[in-house]
Each structure stands twice: as C-alpha cells, then as structure tokens.
Amino acid sequence: METVLALLTGILTACAVWLMLSGNLLRFLFGLLLLSNAINLAIFAAGRLTVGAPPLLGEGGALPAHQMANSLPQALLLTAIVIGFGLFAFALGLTIRAYRAFGHLEVDRMRLAEPEEAKK
C-alpha cells in the first residue's frame, strides 16, 4: 500500500509542478492545491499504514493488548488540510482581484509595477 501512495504522491507532485510552470495564475493555484494534497499523502504514508485499533487508551490509561494506529500523522494531516484550505482561499481571493484589475490571468502580461517602456 505504501508503494501505491508513493507513486500517487509522485504523480500528484509532477502534475502540480507542470501546472505551476504553465504561466497562468489559475493553473498555478490548482497546482498549489495538488501539491498540498501530495504533501498530505506523503505525511500520511510516512506515518506507516498499519491495520490496528483506533489510537485510544483503555481504562486508567492502560495500553491495549493489540497494535493501535499512530495518531500523530492523523493530527498533522488535519492541521495541514486546514492550513492548505486557508492558503487556497486567500490565493483564490488574490487571483480574483488580479483578474478584475488586469482582465486576464497571464502572469507574463501582469506588468502594473513594471510598465513597458514607451516606444521611441
């Protein structure tokens, strides 16, 4: 199962890099979202996929007799998902604002801070 997750993480990362290098701001944003999901999968796979009981302690804090799942990667994933969603929402707001200001989403044509030199 770890091999499948590693391959999926690699495919998501490759697609994310391809989208982020396209030169369109919206594609960059979707590439950022894919990269975030790839990182989440990598964290999940790093936590070792074990078939076990939920990470709950027994009566009086006693450890269960059988193997239990590791809860740290799950907590990290929940935090990363919330932070990733907040970043995506903020970047989407900036993208909408850029589209309203420029009328397009091509990054190479956004030259408000660096206007083109006047033709002589």
PDB file of N, CA and C in Angstrom:
ATOM      1  N   MET A   1       0.817  -1.199   0.000  1.00  0.00           N
ATOM      2  CA  MET A   1       0.000   0.000   0.000  1.00  0.00           C
ATOM      3  C   MET A   1       0.863   1.266   0.000  1.00  0.00           C
ATOM      4  N   GLU A   2       2.011   1.176   0.695  1.00  0.00           N
ATOM      5  CA  GLU A   2       2.895   2.339   0.724  1.00  0.00           C
ATOM      6  C   GLU A   2       3.432   2.661  -0.667  1.00  0.00           C
ATOM      7  N   THR A   3       3.644   1.609  -1.488  1.00  0.00           N
ATOM      8  CA  THR A   3       4.143   1.823  -2.851  1.00  0.00           C
ATOM      9  C   THR A   3       3.117   2.573  -3.689  1.00  0.00           C
ATOM     10  N   VAL A   4       1.863   2.220  -3.539  1.00  0.00           N
ATOM     11  CA  VAL A   4       0.797   2.902  -4.284  1.00  0.00           C
ATOM     12  C   VAL A   4       0.716   4.362  -3.866  1.00  0.00           C
ATOM     13  N   LEU A   5       0.796   4.630  -2.571  1.00  0.00           N
ATOM     14  CA  LEU A   5       0.752   6.015  -2.102  1.00  0.00           C
ATOM     15  C   LEU A   5       1.982   6.803  -2.554  1.00  0.00           C
ATOM     16  N   ALA A   6       3.137   6.153  -2.590  1.00  0.00           N
ATOM     17  CA  ALA A   6       4.344   6.834  -3.061  1.00  0.00           C
ATOM     18  C   ALA A   6       4.225   7.187  -4.549  1.00  0.00           C
ATOM     19  N   LEU A   7       3.710   6.252  -5.347  1.00  0.00           N
ATOM     20  CA  LEU A   7       3.508   6.547  -6.772  1.00  0.00           C
ATOM     21  C   LEU A   7       2.473   7.647  -6.976  1.00  0.00           C
ATOM     22  N   LEU A   8       1.402   7.597  -6.220  1.00  0.00           N
ATOM     23  CA  LEU A   8       0.360   8.632  -6.322  1.00  0.00           C
ATOM     24  C   LEU A   8       0.899   9.994  -5.904  1.00  0.00           C
ATOM     25  N   THR A   9       1.724  10.006  -4.868  1.00  0.00           N
ATOM     26  CA  THR A   9       2.345  11.261  -4.437  1.00  0.00           C
ATOM     27  C   THR A   9       3.247  11.821  -5.528  1.00  0.00           C
ATOM     28  N   GLY A  10       4.028  10.955  -6.165  1.00  0.00           N
ATOM     29  CA  GLY A  10       4.899  11.401  -7.251  1.00  0.00           C
ATOM     30  C   GLY A  10       4.125  11.932  -8.441  1.00  0.00           C
ATOM     31  N   ILE A  11       3.034  11.251  -8.799  1.00  0.00           N
ATOM     32  CA  ILE A  11       2.206  11.703  -9.927  1.00  0.00           C
ATOM     33  C   ILE A  11       1.560  13.046  -9.607  1.00  0.00           C
ATOM     34  N   LEU A  12       1.029  13.194  -8.387  1.00  0.00           N
ATOM     35  CA  LEU A  12       0.419  14.474  -7.999  1.00  0.00           C
ATOM     36  C   LEU A  12       1.449  15.599  -7.989  1.00  0.00           C
ATOM     37  N   THR A  13       2.654  15.300  -7.518  1.00  0.00           N
ATOM     38  CA  THR A  13       3.699  16.324  -7.493  1.00  0.00           C
ATOM     39  C   THR A  13       4.102  16.722  -8.914  1.00  0.00           C
ATOM     40  N   ALA A  14       4.232  15.751  -9.803  1.00  0.00           N
ATOM     41  CA  ALA A  14       4.592  16.061 -11.192  1.00  0.00           C
ATOM     42  C   ALA A  14       3.516  16.903 -11.866  1.00  0.00           C
ATOM     43  N   CYS A  15       2.255  16.545 -11.664  1.00  0.00           N
ATOM     44  CA  CYS A  15       1.157  17.335 -12.242  1.00  0.00           C
ATOM     45  C   CYS A  15       1.130  18.736 -11.646  1.00  0.00           C
ATOM     46  N   ALA A  16       1.403  18.846 -10.347  1.00  0.00           N
ATOM     47  CA  ALA A  16       1.411  20.160  -9.697  1.00  0.00           C
ATOM     48  C   ALA A  16       2.507  21.046 -10.255  1.00  0.00           C
ATOM     49  N   VAL A  17       3.694  20.492 -10.438  1.00  0.00           N
ATOM     50  CA  VAL A  17       4.806  21.282 -10.994  1.00  0.00           C
ATOM     51  C   VAL A  17       4.487  21.703 -12.422  1.00  0.00           C
ATOM     52  N   TRP A  18       3.899  20.801 -13.211  1.00  0.00           N
ATOM     53  CA  TRP A  18       3.531  21.148 -14.583  1.00  0.00           C
ATOM     54  C   TRP A  18       2.512  22.281 -14.605  1.00  0.00           C
ATOM     55  N   LEU A  19       1.518  22.221 -13.735  1.00  0.00           N
ATOM     56  CA  LEU A  19       0.518  23.289 -13.683  1.00  0.00           C
ATOM     57  C   LEU A  19       1.123  24.603 -13.188  1.00  0.00           C
ATOM     58  N   MET A  20       2.021  24.521 -12.215  1.00  0.00           N
ATOM     59  CA  MET A  20       2.584  25.747 -11.657  1.00  0.00           C
ATOM     60  C   MET A  20       3.540  26.441 -12.626  1.00  0.00           C
ATOM     61  N   LEU A  21       4.102  25.710 -13.571  1.00  0.00           N
ATOM     62  CA  LEU A  21       5.008  26.308 -14.545  1.00  0.00           C
ATOM     63  C   LEU A  21       4.311  26.777 -15.821  1.00  0.00           C
ATOM     64  N   SER A  22       2.987  26.682 -15.886  1.00  0.00           N
ATOM     65  CA  SER A  22       2.275  26.987 -17.126  1.00  0.00           C
ATOM     66  C   SER A  22       2.189  28.478 -17.442  1.00  0.00           C
ATOM     67  N   GLY A  23       2.303  29.347 -16.459  1.00  0.00           N
ATOM     68  CA  GLY A  23       2.244  30.775 -16.724  1.00  0.00           C
ATOM     69  C   GLY A  23       0.872  31.385 -16.533  1.00  0.00           C
ATOM     70  N   ASN A  24      -0.122  30.589 -16.189  1.00  0.00           N
ATOM     71  CA  ASN A  24      -1.463  31.086 -15.921  1.00  0.00           C
ATOM     72  C   ASN A  24      -1.676  31.047 -14.418  1.00  0.00           C
ATOM     73  N   LEU A  25      -2.213  32.132 -13.871  1.00  0.00           N
ATOM     74  CA  LEU A  25      -2.358  32.242 -12.425  1.00  0.00           C
ATOM     75  C   LEU A  25      -3.343  31.228 -11.856  1.00  0.00           C
ATOM     76  N   LEU A  26      -4.422  30.941 -12.577  1.00  0.00           N
ATOM     77  CA  LEU A  26      -5.400  29.971 -12.094  1.00  0.00           C
ATOM     78  C   LEU A  26      -4.824  28.558 -12.116  1.00  0.00           C
ATOM     79  N   ARG A  27      -4.071  28.227 -13.158  1.00  0.00           N
ATOM     80  CA  ARG A  27      -3.411  26.920 -13.198  1.00  0.00           C
ATOM     81  C   ARG A  27      -2.373  26.811 -12.089  1.00  0.00           C
ATOM     82  N   PHE A  28      -1.676  27.900 -11.802  1.00  0.00           N
ATOM     83  CA  PHE A  28      -0.734  27.902 -10.688  1.00  0.00           C
ATOM     84  C   PHE A  28      -1.446  27.599  -9.381  1.00  0.00           C
ATOM     85  N   LEU A  29      -2.620  28.177  -9.216  1.00  0.00           N
ATOM     86  CA  LEU A  29      -3.398  27.962  -7.997  1.00  0.00           C
ATOM     87  C   LEU A  29      -3.827  26.499  -7.863  1.00  0.00           C
ATOM     88  N   PHE A  30      -4.273  25.894  -8.963  1.00  0.00           N
ATOM     89  CA  PHE A  30      -4.652  24.485  -8.914  1.00  0.00           C
ATOM     90  C   PHE A  30      -3.425  23.594  -8.710  1.00  0.00           C
ATOM     91  N   GLY A  31      -2.285  23.992  -9.239  1.00  0.00           N
ATOM     92  CA  GLY A  31      -1.049  23.265  -8.988  1.00  0.00           C
ATOM     93  C   GLY A  31      -0.658  23.332  -7.519  1.00  0.00           C
ATOM     94  N   LEU A  32      -0.865  24.479  -6.907  1.00  0.00           N
ATOM     95  CA  LEU A  32      -0.595  24.629  -5.481  1.00  0.00           C
ATOM     96  C   LEU A  32      -1.504  23.719  -4.658  1.00  0.00           C
ATOM     97  N   LEU A  33      -2.747  23.601  -5.069  1.00  0.00           N
ATOM     98  CA  LEU A  33      -3.693  22.716  -4.386  1.00  0.00           C
ATOM     99  C   LEU A  33      -3.273  21.251  -4.540  1.00  0.00           C
ATOM    100  N   LEU A  34      -2.862  20.864  -5.739  1.00  0.00           N
ATOM    101  CA  LEU A  34      -2.391  19.493  -5.952  1.00  0.00           C
ATOM    102  C   LEU A  34      -1.124  19.205  -5.154  1.00  0.00           C
ATOM    103  N   LEU A  35      -0.223  20.175  -5.087  1.00  0.00           N
ATOM    104  CA  LEU A  35       0.997  19.992  -4.316  1.00  0.00           C
ATOM    105  C   LEU A  35       0.688  19.825  -2.835  1.00  0.00           C
ATOM    106  N   SER A  36      -0.275  20.579  -2.352  1.00  0.00           N
ATOM    107  CA  SER A  36      -0.699  20.445  -0.963  1.00  0.00           C
ATOM    108  C   SER A  36      -1.246  19.050  -0.688  1.00  0.00           C
ATOM    109  N   ASN A  37      -2.044  18.528  -1.611  1.00  0.00           N
ATOM    110  CA  ASN A  37      -2.578  17.173  -1.442  1.00  0.00           C
ATOM    111  C   ASN A  37      -1.474  16.120  -1.525  1.00  0.00           C
ATOM    112  N   ALA A  38      -0.491  16.338  -2.384  1.00  0.00           N
ATOM    113  CA  ALA A  38       0.627  15.394  -2.481  1.00  0.00           C
ATOM    114  C   ALA A  38       1.431  15.366  -1.183  1.00  0.00           C
ATOM    115  N   ILE A  39       1.641  16.518  -0.593  1.00  0.00           N
ATOM    116  CA  ILE A  39       2.364  16.578   0.679  1.00  0.00           C
ATOM    117  C   ILE A  39       1.561  15.897   1.781  1.00  0.00           C
ATOM    118  N   ASN A  40       0.246  16.083   1.772  1.00  0.00           N
ATOM    119  CA  ASN A  40      -0.599  15.405   2.755  1.00  0.00           C
ATOM    120  C   ASN A  40      -0.506  13.887   2.609  1.00  0.00           C
ATOM    121  N   LEU A  41      -0.494  13.403   1.382  1.00  0.00           N
ATOM    122  CA  LEU A  41      -0.344  11.964   1.166  1.00  0.00           C
ATOM    123  C   LEU A  41       1.018  11.467   1.639  1.00  0.00           C
ATOM    124  N   ALA A  42       2.053  12.268   1.429  1.00  0.00           N
ATOM    125  CA  ALA A  42       3.390  11.867   1.870  1.00  0.00           C
ATOM    126  C   ALA A  42       3.452  11.791   3.400  1.00  0.00           C
ATOM    127  N   ILE A  43       2.835  12.742   4.076  1.00  0.00           N
ATOM    128  CA  ILE A  43       2.791  12.703   5.538  1.00  0.00           C
ATOM    129  C   ILE A  43       2.013  11.480   6.008  1.00  0.00           C
ATOM    130  N   PHE A  44       0.915  11.198   5.327  1.00  0.00           N
ATOM    131  CA  PHE A  44       0.093  10.041   5.689  1.00  0.00           C
ATOM    132  C   PHE A  44       0.863   8.742   5.502  1.00  0.00           C
ATOM    133  N   ALA A  45       1.594   8.626   4.408  1.00  0.00           N
ATOM    134  CA  ALA A  45       2.370   7.409   4.149  1.00  0.00           C
ATOM    135  C   ALA A  45       3.556   7.294   5.101  1.00  0.00           C
ATOM    136  N   ALA A  46       4.110   8.427   5.529  1.00  0.00           N
ATOM    137  CA  ALA A  46       5.236   8.394   6.458  1.00  0.00           C
ATOM    138  C   ALA A  46       4.811   7.889   7.837  1.00  0.00           C
ATOM    139  N   GLY A  47       3.528   7.967   8.143  1.00  0.00           N
ATOM    140  CA  GLY A  47       3.028   7.502   9.427  1.00  0.00           C
ATOM    141  C   GLY A  47       2.818   6.006   9.483  1.00  0.00           C
ATOM    142  N   ARG A  48       3.234   5.286   8.452  1.00  0.00           N
ATOM    143  CA  ARG A  48       3.107   3.831   8.354  1.00  0.00           C
ATOM    144  C   ARG A  48       1.649   3.404   8.423  1.00  0.00           C
ATOM    145  N   LEU A  49       1.207   2.834   7.363  1.00  0.00           N
ATOM    146  CA  LEU A  49      -0.167   2.350   7.294  1.00  0.00           C
ATOM    147  C   LEU A  49      -0.249   1.013   8.012  1.00  0.00           C
ATOM    148  N   THR A  50      -0.841   1.020   9.169  1.00  0.00           N
ATOM    149  CA  THR A  50      -0.985  -0.207   9.943  1.00  0.00           C
ATOM    150  C   THR A  50      -2.457  -0.505  10.144  1.00  0.00           C
ATOM    151  N   VAL A  51      -2.764  -1.768  10.090  1.00  0.00           N
ATOM    152  CA  VAL A  51      -4.124  -2.193  10.394  1.00  0.00           C
ATOM    153  C   VAL A  51      -4.164  -2.416  11.894  1.00  0.00           C
ATOM    154  N   GLY A  52      -4.812  -1.534  12.588  1.00  0.00           N
ATOM    155  CA  GLY A  52      -4.855  -1.633  14.040  1.00  0.00           C
ATOM    156  C   GLY A  52      -6.077  -0.936  14.586  1.00  0.00           C
ATOM    157  N   ALA A  53      -6.178  -0.929  15.865  1.00  0.00           N
ATOM    158  CA  ALA A  53      -7.302  -0.288  16.545  1.00  0.00           C
ATOM    159  C   ALA A  53      -7.117   1.223  16.524  1.00  0.00           C
ATOM    160  N   PRO A  54      -8.169   1.972  16.775  1.00  0.00           N
ATOM    161  CA  PRO A  54      -8.017   3.426  16.874  1.00  0.00           C
ATOM    162  C   PRO A  54      -7.055   3.782  18.014  1.00  0.00           C
ATOM    163  N   PRO A  55      -6.436   4.945  17.954  1.00  0.00           N
ATOM    164  CA  PRO A  55      -5.457   5.308  18.977  1.00  0.00           C
ATOM    165  C   PRO A  55      -6.123   5.750  20.277  1.00  0.00           C
ATOM    166  N   LEU A  56      -6.814   4.850  20.928  1.00  0.00           N
ATOM    167  CA  LEU A  56      -7.500   5.154  22.178  1.00  0.00           C
ATOM    168  C   LEU A  56      -6.931   4.286  23.293  1.00  0.00           C
ATOM    169  N   LEU A  57      -6.770   4.876  24.461  1.00  0.00           N
ATOM    170  CA  LEU A  57      -6.262   4.135  25.602  1.00  0.00           C
ATOM    171  C   LEU A  57      -7.423   3.472  26.339  1.00  0.00           C
ATOM    172  N   GLY A  58      -7.093   2.421  27.057  1.00  0.00           N
ATOM    173  CA  GLY A  58      -8.103   1.706  27.817  1.00  0.00           C
ATOM    174  C   GLY A  58      -8.400   2.379  29.157  1.00  0.00           C
ATOM    175  N   GLU A  59      -9.074   1.646  30.021  1.00  0.00           N
ATOM    176  CA  GLU A  59      -9.425   2.140  31.354  1.00  0.00           C
ATOM    177  C   GLU A  59      -8.161   2.475  32.141  1.00  0.00           C
ATOM    178  N   GLY A  60      -8.115   3.627  32.773  1.00  0.00           N
ATOM    179  CA  GLY A  60      -6.976   4.019  33.600  1.00  0.00           C
ATOM    180  C   GLY A  60      -5.722   4.314  32.802  1.00  0.00           C
ATOM    181  N   GLY A  61      -5.822   4.517  31.498  1.00  0.00           N
ATOM    182  CA  GLY A  61      -4.671   4.840  30.664  1.00  0.00           C
ATOM    183  C   GLY A  61      -3.848   3.633  30.268  1.00  0.00           C
ATOM    184  N   ALA A  62      -4.434   2.450  30.408  1.00  0.00           N
ATOM    185  CA  ALA A  62      -3.709   1.227  30.051  1.00  0.00           C
ATOM    186  C   ALA A  62      -3.637   1.080  28.540  1.00  0.00           C
ATOM    187  N   LEU A  63      -2.502   0.619  28.052  1.00  0.00           N
ATOM    188  CA  LEU A  63      -2.334   0.374  26.628  1.00  0.00           C
ATOM    189  C   LEU A  63      -3.101  -0.881  26.219  1.00  0.00           C
ATOM    190  N   PRO A  64      -3.695  -0.877  25.038  1.00  0.00           N
ATOM    191  CA  PRO A  64      -4.395  -2.090  24.600  1.00  0.00           C
ATOM    192  C   PRO A  64      -3.407  -3.218  24.312  1.00  0.00           C
ATOM    193  N   ALA A  65      -3.921  -4.440  24.383  1.00  0.00           N
ATOM    194  CA  ALA A  65      -3.056  -5.601  24.164  1.00  0.00           C
ATOM    195  C   ALA A  65      -2.659  -5.753  22.698  1.00  0.00           C
ATOM    196  N   HIS A  66      -3.467  -5.275  21.790  1.00  0.00           N
ATOM    197  CA  HIS A  66      -3.174  -5.395  20.365  1.00  0.00           C
ATOM    198  C   HIS A  66      -2.563  -4.087  19.849  1.00  0.00           C
ATOM    199  N   GLN A  67      -2.137  -4.110  18.604  1.00  0.00           N
ATOM    200  CA  GLN A  67      -1.490  -2.956  17.996  1.00  0.00           C
ATOM    201  C   GLN A  67      -2.508  -1.853  17.734  1.00  0.00           C
ATOM    202  N   MET A  68      -2.096  -0.605  17.970  1.00  0.00           N
ATOM    203  CA  MET A  68      -3.000   0.512  17.695  1.00  0.00           C
ATOM    204  C   MET A  68      -2.349   1.459  16.692  1.00  0.00           C
ATOM    205  N   ALA A  69      -3.167   2.243  16.017  1.00  0.00           N
ATOM    206  CA  ALA A  69      -2.693   3.157  14.978  1.00  0.00           C
ATOM    207  C   ALA A  69      -1.973   4.350  15.597  1.00  0.00           C
ATOM    208  N   ASN A  70      -1.072   4.932  14.829  1.00  0.00           N
ATOM    209  CA  ASN A  70      -0.339   6.113  15.264  1.00  0.00           C
ATOM    210  C   ASN A  70      -1.207   7.340  15.011  1.00  0.00           C
ATOM    211  N   SER A  71      -1.442   8.143  16.033  1.00  0.00           N
ATOM    212  CA  SER A  71      -2.345   9.287  15.878  1.00  0.00           C
ATOM    213  C   SER A  71      -1.637  10.566  15.451  1.00  0.00           C
ATOM    214  N   LEU A  72      -0.320  10.626  15.549  1.00  0.00           N
ATOM    215  CA  LEU A  72       0.397  11.854  15.204  1.00  0.00           C
ATOM    216  C   LEU A  72       0.259  12.232  13.729  1.00  0.00           C
ATOM    217  N   PRO A  73       0.443  11.321  12.768  1.00  0.00           N
ATOM    218  CA  PRO A  73       0.253  11.713  11.366  1.00  0.00           C
ATOM    219  C   PRO A  73      -1.176  12.170  11.077  1.00  0.00           C
ATOM    220  N   GLN A  74      -2.142  11.581  11.744  1.00  0.00           N
ATOM    221  CA  GLN A  74      -3.531  11.990  11.539  1.00  0.00           C
ATOM    222  C   GLN A  74      -3.749  13.422  12.026  1.00  0.00           C
ATOM    223  N   ALA A  75      -3.181  13.764  13.177  1.00  0.00           N
ATOM    224  CA  ALA A  75      -3.303  15.126  13.692  1.00  0.00           C
ATOM    225  C   ALA A  75      -2.580  16.117  12.789  1.00  0.00           C
ATOM    226  N   LEU A  76      -1.397  15.736  12.300  1.00  0.00           N
ATOM    227  CA  LEU A  76      -0.662  16.613  11.380  1.00  0.00           C
ATOM    228  C   LEU A  76      -1.434  16.829  10.086  1.00  0.00           C
ATOM    229  N   LEU A  77      -2.088  15.774   9.596  1.00  0.00           N
ATOM    230  CA  LEU A  77      -2.862  15.895   8.368  1.00  0.00           C
ATOM    231  C   LEU A  77      -4.048  16.834   8.540  1.00  0.00           C
ATOM    232  N   LEU A  78      -4.745  16.715   9.643  1.00  0.00           N
ATOM    233  CA  LEU A  78      -5.875  17.616   9.865  1.00  0.00           C
ATOM    234  C   LEU A  78      -5.422  19.066   9.913  1.00  0.00           C
ATOM    235  N   THR A  79      -4.298  19.311  10.571  1.00  0.00           N
ATOM    236  CA  THR A  79      -3.758  20.676  10.627  1.00  0.00           C
ATOM    237  C   THR A  79      -3.337  21.148   9.233  1.00  0.00           C
ATOM    238  N   ALA A  80      -2.681  20.278   8.477  1.00  0.00           N
ATOM    239  CA  ALA A  80      -2.228  20.654   7.137  1.00  0.00           C
ATOM    240  C   ALA A  80      -3.395  20.908   6.193  1.00  0.00           C
ATOM    241  N   ILE A  81      -4.474  20.154   6.341  1.00  0.00           N
ATOM    242  CA  ILE A  81      -5.649  20.370   5.486  1.00  0.00           C
ATOM    243  C   ILE A  81      -6.271  21.726   5.769  1.00  0.00           C
ATOM    244  N   VAL A  82      -6.386  22.083   7.041  1.00  0.00           N
ATOM    245  CA  VAL A  82      -6.975  23.384   7.402  1.00  0.00           C
ATOM    246  C   VAL A  82      -6.094  24.530   6.909  1.00  0.00           C
ATOM    247  N   ILE A  83      -4.789  24.417   7.108  1.00  0.00           N
ATOM    248  CA  ILE A  83      -3.879  25.469   6.653  1.00  0.00           C
ATOM    249  C   ILE A  83      -3.882  25.560   5.130  1.00  0.00           C
ATOM    250  N   GLY A  84      -3.890  24.410   4.459  1.00  0.00           N
ATOM    251  CA  GLY A  84      -3.930  24.400   2.994  1.00  0.00           C
ATOM    252  C   GLY A  84      -5.205  25.026   2.444  1.00  0.00           C
ATOM    253  N   PHE A  85      -6.334  24.763   3.091  1.00  0.00           N
ATOM    254  CA  PHE A  85      -7.586  25.360   2.637  1.00  0.00           C
ATOM    255  C   PHE A  85      -7.565  26.873   2.840  1.00  0.00           C
ATOM    256  N   GLY A  86      -7.019  27.317   3.963  1.00  0.00           N
ATOM    257  CA  GLY A  86      -6.913  28.762   4.198  1.00  0.00           C
ATOM    258  C   GLY A  86      -6.015  29.438   3.171  1.00  0.00           C
ATOM    259  N   LEU A  87      -4.897  28.802   2.851  1.00  0.00           N
ATOM    260  CA  LEU A  87      -3.985  29.337   1.836  1.00  0.00           C
ATOM    261  C   LEU A  87      -4.659  29.376   0.469  1.00  0.00           C
ATOM    262  N   PHE A  88      -5.405  28.316   0.133  1.00  0.00           N
ATOM    263  CA  PHE A  88      -6.096  28.274  -1.150  1.00  0.00           C
ATOM    264  C   PHE A  88      -7.160  29.368  -1.240  1.00  0.00           C
ATOM    265  N   ALA A  89      -7.921  29.564  -0.167  1.00  0.00           N
ATOM    266  CA  ALA A  89      -8.953  30.606  -0.172  1.00  0.00           C
ATOM    267  C   ALA A  89      -8.329  31.989  -0.325  1.00  0.00           C
ATOM    268  N   PHE A  90      -7.230  32.248   0.376  1.00  0.00           N
ATOM    269  CA  PHE A  90      -6.549  33.539   0.262  1.00  0.00           C
ATOM    270  C   PHE A  90      -5.998  33.751  -1.143  1.00  0.00           C
ATOM    271  N   ALA A  91      -5.358  32.725  -1.692  1.00  0.00           N
ATOM    272  CA  ALA A  91      -4.798  32.842  -3.037  1.00  0.00           C
ATOM    273  C   ALA A  91      -5.890  32.988  -4.090  1.00  0.00           C
ATOM    274  N   LEU A  92      -7.031  32.324  -3.881  1.00  0.00           N
ATOM    275  CA  LEU A  92      -8.147  32.485  -4.813  1.00  0.00           C
ATOM    276  C   LEU A  92      -8.693  33.905  -4.777  1.00  0.00           C
ATOM    277  N   GLY A  93      -8.761  34.494  -3.590  1.00  0.00           N
ATOM    278  CA  GLY A  93      -9.175  35.897  -3.478  1.00  0.00           C
ATOM    279  C   GLY A  93      -8.216  36.835  -4.201  1.00  0.00           C
ATOM    280  N   LEU A  94      -6.908  36.572  -4.069  1.00  0.00           N
ATOM    281  CA  LEU A  94      -5.921  37.385  -4.793  1.00  0.00           C
ATOM    282  C   LEU A  94      -6.032  37.193  -6.295  1.00  0.00           C
ATOM    283  N   THR A  95      -6.333  35.966  -6.730  1.00  0.00           N
ATOM    284  CA  THR A  95      -6.487  35.692  -8.152  1.00  0.00           C
ATOM    285  C   THR A  95      -7.692  36.417  -8.723  1.00  0.00           C
ATOM    286  N   ILE A  96      -8.796  36.409  -8.004  1.00  0.00           N
ATOM    287  CA  ILE A  96      -9.987  37.131  -8.455  1.00  0.00           C
ATOM    288  C   ILE A  96      -9.708  38.623  -8.541  1.00  0.00           C
ATOM    289  N   ARG A  97      -8.995  39.153  -7.550  1.00  0.00           N
ATOM    290  CA  ARG A  97      -8.647  40.574  -7.567  1.00  0.00           C
ATOM    291  C   ARG A  97      -7.725  40.908  -8.739  1.00  0.00           C
ATOM    292  N   ALA A  98      -6.779  40.021  -9.026  1.00  0.00           N
ATOM    293  CA  ALA A  98      -5.878  40.248 -10.162  1.00  0.00           C
ATOM    294  C   ALA A  98      -6.649  40.204 -11.474  1.00  0.00           C
ATOM    295  N   TYR A  99      -7.618  39.302 -11.591  1.00  0.00           N
ATOM    296  CA  TYR A  99      -8.405  39.227 -12.819  1.00  0.00           C
ATOM    297  C   TYR A  99      -9.232  40.491 -13.008  1.00  0.00           C
ATOM    298  N   ARG A 100      -9.784  41.009 -11.923  1.00  0.00           N
ATOM    299  CA  ARG A 100     -10.574  42.247 -12.027  1.00  0.00           C
ATOM    300  C   ARG A 100      -9.684  43.444 -12.373  1.00  0.00           C
ATOM    301  N   ALA A 101      -8.455  43.450 -11.887  1.00  0.00           N
ATOM    302  CA  ALA A 101      -7.560  44.581 -12.144  1.00  0.00           C
ATOM    303  C   ALA A 101      -6.962  44.534 -13.551  1.00  0.00           C
ATOM    304  N   PHE A 102      -6.584  43.351 -14.016  1.00  0.00           N
ATOM    305  CA  PHE A 102      -5.875  43.230 -15.290  1.00  0.00           C
ATOM    306  C   PHE A 102      -6.755  42.749 -16.434  1.00  0.00           C
ATOM    307  N   GLY A 103      -7.813  42.021 -16.135  1.00  0.00           N
ATOM    308  CA  GLY A 103      -8.670  41.496 -17.188  1.00  0.00           C
ATOM    309  C   GLY A 103      -8.176  40.186 -17.778  1.00  0.00           C
ATOM    310  N   HIS A 104      -7.107  39.617 -17.250  1.00  0.00           N
ATOM    311  CA  HIS A 104      -6.559  38.343 -17.713  1.00  0.00           C
ATOM    312  C   HIS A 104      -5.795  37.715 -16.555  1.00  0.00           C
ATOM    313  N   LEU A 105      -5.372  36.484 -16.737  1.00  0.00           N
ATOM    314  CA  LEU A 105      -4.632  35.779 -15.695  1.00  0.00           C
ATOM    315  C   LEU A 105      -3.254  35.321 -16.164  1.00  0.00           C
ATOM    316  N   GLU A 106      -2.776  35.863 -17.276  1.00  0.00           N
ATOM    317  CA  GLU A 106      -1.444  35.527 -17.765  1.00  0.00           C
ATOM    318  C   GLU A 106      -0.408  36.275 -16.935  1.00  0.00           C
ATOM    319  N   VAL A 107       0.463  35.530 -16.278  1.00  0.00           N
ATOM    320  CA  VAL A 107       1.429  36.121 -15.358  1.00  0.00           C
ATOM    321  C   VAL A 107       2.434  37.006 -16.090  1.00  0.00           C
ATOM    322  N   ASP A 108       2.825  36.621 -17.290  1.00  0.00           N
ATOM    323  CA  ASP A 108       3.826  37.392 -18.030  1.00  0.00           C
ATOM    324  C   ASP A 108       3.302  38.755 -18.479  1.00  0.00           C
ATOM    325  N   ARG A 109       2.004  38.894 -18.587  1.00  0.00           N
ATOM    326  CA  ARG A 109       1.432  40.176 -19.037  1.00  0.00           C
ATOM    327  C   ARG A 109       1.060  41.092 -17.883  1.00  0.00           C
ATOM    328  N   MET A 110       1.195  40.635 -16.646  1.00  0.00           N
ATOM    329  CA  MET A 110       0.867  41.472 -15.483  1.00  0.00           C
ATOM    330  C   MET A 110       2.062  42.344 -15.156  1.00  0.00           C
ATOM    331  N   ARG A 111       2.048  43.560 -15.694  1.00  0.00           N
ATOM    332  CA  ARG A 111       3.197  44.449 -15.555  1.00  0.00           C
ATOM    333  C   ARG A 111       2.781  45.805 -15.004  1.00  0.00           C
ATOM    334  N   LEU A 112       1.906  45.822 -14.008  1.00  0.00           N
ATOM    335  CA  LEU A 112       1.464  47.092 -13.443  1.00  0.00           C
ATOM    336  C   LEU A 112       2.611  47.794 -12.720  1.00  0.00           C
ATOM    337  N   ALA A 113       3.427  47.039 -11.992  1.00  0.00           N
ATOM    338  CA  ALA A 113       4.548  47.629 -11.276  1.00  0.00           C
ATOM    339  C   ALA A 113       5.709  47.955 -12.207  1.00  0.00           C
ATOM    340  N   GLU A 114       5.790  47.254 -13.344  1.00  0.00           N
ATOM    341  CA  GLU A 114       6.868  47.470 -14.315  1.00  0.00           C
ATOM    342  C   GLU A 114       6.240  47.761 -15.673  1.00  0.00           C
ATOM    343  N   PRO A 115       5.791  49.004 -15.904  1.00  0.00           N
ATOM    344  CA  PRO A 115       5.160  49.286 -17.198  1.00  0.00           C
ATOM    345  C   PRO A 115       6.165  49.155 -18.345  1.00  0.00           C
ATOM    346  N   GLU A 116       5.638  48.779 -19.494  1.00  0.00           N
ATOM    347  CA  GLU A 116       6.507  48.646 -20.664  1.00  0.00           C
ATOM    348  C   GLU A 116       7.040  50.007 -21.054  1.00  0.00           C
ATOM    349  N   GLU A 117       8.262  49.997 -21.526  1.00  0.00           N
ATOM    350  CA  GLU A 117       8.883  51.251 -21.928  1.00  0.00           C
ATOM    351  C   GLU A 117       8.160  51.824 -23.147  1.00  0.00           C
ATOM    352  N   ALA A 118       8.090  53.143 -23.192  1.00  0.00           N
ATOM    353  CA  ALA A 118       7.432  53.809 -24.325  1.00  0.00           C
ATOM    354  C   ALA A 118       8.274  53.596 -25.583  1.00  0.00           C
ATOM    355  N   LYS A 119       7.578  53.339 -26.673  1.00  0.00           N
ATOM    356  CA  LYS A 119       8.287  53.143 -27.940  1.00  0.00           C
ATOM    357  C   LYS A 119       8.854  54.460 -28.423  1.00  0.00           C
ATOM    358  N   LYS A 120      10.083  54.425 -28.866  1.00  0.00           N
ATOM    359  CA  LYS A 120      10.740  55.662 -29.312  1.00  0.00           C
ATOM    360  C   LYS A 120      10.641  55.824 -30.792  1.00  0.00           C
TER     361      LYS A 120
END
